[in-house]
Amino acid sequence: MRYTGRLIESVIPVVLYPFHFSIMWKLNCFL
């Protein structure tokens, strides 16, 4: 259980980073 939690914690930032980057890029283009 603890191992799965660590795995999820390490995967979430990798998944969210490109998504966050694309949002910032779209905001910069829009503004």
Protein backbone atom coordinates (compact mmCIF):
# COMPACT_ATOMS: atom_id res chain seq x y z
CA MET A 1 0.00 0.00 0.00
CA ARG A 2 2.77 2.41 0.96
CA TYR A 3 4.74 1.48 -2.15
CA THR A 4 1.75 2.19 -4.37
CA GLY A 5 1.34 5.59 -2.72
CA ARG A 6 4.97 6.47 -3.44
CA LEU A 7 4.59 5.28 -7.04
CA ILE A 8 1.51 7.48 -7.54
CA GLU A 9 3.27 10.46 -5.93
CA SER A 10 6.19 10.06 -8.33
CA VAL A 11 3.95 9.61 -11.39
CA ILE A 12 1.46 12.47 -10.82
CA PRO A 13 3.95 15.36 -11.36
CA VAL A 14 5.27 13.71 -14.55
CA VAL A 15 1.72 13.45 -15.89
CA LEU A 16 0.64 16.95 -14.83
CA TYR A 17 3.79 18.84 -15.91
CA PRO A 18 3.19 18.75 -19.71
CA PHE A 19 -0.50 19.56 -19.10
CA HIS A 20 0.45 22.56 -16.95
CA PHE A 21 3.02 23.67 -19.54
CA SER A 22 0.45 23.57 -22.36
CA ILE A 23 -1.99 25.61 -20.26
CA MET A 24 0.65 28.28 -19.56
CA TRP A 25 1.61 28.33 -23.26
CA LYS A 26 -2.03 28.82 -24.33
CA LEU A 27 -2.46 31.57 -21.73
CA ASN A 28 0.66 33.34 -23.01
CA CYS A 29 -0.58 33.11 -26.60
CA PHE A 30 -4.05 34.29 -25.61
CA LEU A 31 -2.73 37.23 -23.58
